[in-house]
C-alpha atoms as a PDB file:
ATOM      1  CA  MET A   1     104.794 128.116  33.039  1.00  0.00           C
ATOM      2  CA  LYS A   2     101.712 125.914  32.820  1.00  0.00           C
ATOM      3  CA  VAL A   3      98.271 127.026  33.991  1.00  0.00           C
ATOM      4  CA  THR A   4      95.513 124.635  35.038  1.00  0.00           C
ATOM      5  CA  VAL A   5      91.984 125.259  36.262  1.00  0.00           C
ATOM      6  CA  ASP A   6      89.549 123.200  38.304  1.00  0.00           C
ATOM      7  CA  GLN A   7      86.133 123.932  36.847  1.00  0.00           C
ATOM      8  CA  ASN A   8      84.474 121.872  39.582  1.00  0.00           C
ATOM      9  CA  ILE A   9      85.354 124.399  42.288  1.00  0.00           C
ATOM     10  CA  CYS A  10      85.173 127.612  40.235  1.00  0.00           C
ATOM     11  CA  ALA A  11      83.031 130.270  41.958  1.00  0.00           C
ATOM     12  CA  SER A  12      82.216 132.028  38.643  1.00  0.00           C
ATOM     13  CA  SER A  13      83.411 135.371  40.016  1.00  0.00           C
ATOM     14  CA  GLY A  14      85.123 136.464  36.798  1.00  0.00           C
ATOM     15  CA  ASN A  15      88.219 137.775  38.578  1.00  0.00           C
ATOM     16  CA  CYS A  16      90.450 135.696  36.307  1.00  0.00           C
ATOM     17  CA  VAL A  17      88.964 137.314  33.197  1.00  0.00           C
ATOM     18  CA  MET A  18      89.394 140.768  34.701  1.00  0.00           C
ATOM     19  CA  HIS A  19      93.108 140.111  35.267  1.00  0.00           C
ATOM     20  CA  ALA A  20      93.974 138.068  32.165  1.00  0.00           C
ATOM     21  CA  SER A  21      91.264 138.029  29.502  1.00  0.00           C
ATOM     22  CA  GLU A  22      93.755 136.638  26.992  1.00  0.00           C
ATOM     23  CA  LEU A  23      94.124 133.512  29.148  1.00  0.00           C
ATOM     24  CA  PHE A  24      90.649 133.046  30.655  1.00  0.00           C
ATOM     25  CA  ASP A  25      87.010 133.273  29.640  1.00  0.00           C
ATOM     26  CA  GLN A  26      83.747 132.187  31.231  1.00  0.00           C
ATOM     27  CA  ARG A  27      81.071 129.813  29.991  1.00  0.00           C
ATOM     28  CA  ASP A  28      77.945 131.655  28.909  1.00  0.00           C
ATOM     29  CA  ASP A  29      75.501 129.387  30.712  1.00  0.00           C
ATOM     30  CA  ASP A  30      77.014 129.342  34.214  1.00  0.00           C
ATOM     31  CA  GLY A  31      80.077 131.620  34.275  1.00  0.00           C
ATOM     32  CA  VAL A  32      82.560 128.838  35.047  1.00  0.00           C
ATOM     33  CA  VAL A  33      86.144 129.542  34.023  1.00  0.00           C
ATOM     34  CA  VAL A  34      87.397 128.431  30.608  1.00  0.00           C
ATOM     35  CA  LEU A  35      91.156 128.254  30.098  1.00  0.00           C
ATOM     36  CA  LEU A  36      92.090 129.701  26.706  1.00  0.00           C
ATOM     37  CA  ASN A  37      95.854 129.177  26.882  1.00  0.00           C
ATOM     38  CA  ASP A  38      97.563 126.818  29.309  1.00  0.00           C
ATOM     39  CA  HIS A  39     101.087 127.956  28.371  1.00  0.00           C
ATOM     40  CA  PRO A  40     101.090 131.765  28.606  1.00  0.00           C
ATOM     41  CA  SER A  41     103.845 133.812  27.053  1.00  0.00           C
ATOM     42  CA  PRO A  42     106.325 135.580  29.330  1.00  0.00           C
ATOM     43  CA  GLU A  43     104.362 138.797  28.764  1.00  0.00           C
ATOM     44  CA  GLN A  44     101.177 137.099  30.024  1.00  0.00           C
ATOM     45  CA  SER A  45     102.729 135.503  33.099  1.00  0.00           C
ATOM     46  CA  GLU A  46     102.026 138.419  35.440  1.00  0.00           C
ATOM     47  CA  GLY A  47      98.347 138.396  34.465  1.00  0.00           C
ATOM     48  CA  ALA A  48      98.220 134.678  35.178  1.00  0.00           C
ATOM     49  CA  ARG A  49      99.725 135.224  38.620  1.00  0.00           C
ATOM     50  CA  GLN A  50      97.258 138.014  39.353  1.00  0.00           C
ATOM     51  CA  ALA A  51      94.376 135.745  38.318  1.00  0.00           C
ATOM     52  CA  VAL A  52      95.602 133.044  40.719  1.00  0.00           C
ATOM     53  CA  ALA A  53      95.812 135.573  43.556  1.00  0.00           C
ATOM     54  CA  ALA A  54      92.353 136.977  42.795  1.00  0.00           C
ATOM     55  CA  CYS A  55      90.520 133.643  42.510  1.00  0.00           C
ATOM     56  CA  PRO A  56      88.248 133.282  45.560  1.00  0.00           C
ATOM     57  CA  ALA A  57      87.857 129.517  45.028  1.00  0.00           C
ATOM     58  CA  GLN A  58      91.559 128.857  44.399  1.00  0.00           C
ATOM     59  CA  ALA A  59      90.554 127.109  41.178  1.00  0.00           C
ATOM     60  CA  ILE A  60      93.582 128.304  39.159  1.00  0.00           C
ATOM     61  CA  HIS A  61      97.024 126.787  39.571  1.00  0.00           C
ATOM     62  CA  ILE A  62     100.438 127.539  38.062  1.00  0.00           C
ATOM     63  CA  GLU A  63     103.319 125.146  37.593  1.00  0.00           C
ATOM     64  CA  GLU A  64     106.636 126.850  36.881  1.00  0.00           C
END
């Protein structure tokens, strides 16, 4: 699994951090998503999928 984010369309909602804080963070100045780990472990994959589903801007993508 590979995770990518598009910071240009991020809505800064923080839903990704709520679902997978080990994979995502937010910039302090504007709240835009920061990807911490683009290759999550199998244990983190469900959190990554939940973050994709919860992103209102569809800024997070997964390649299997």
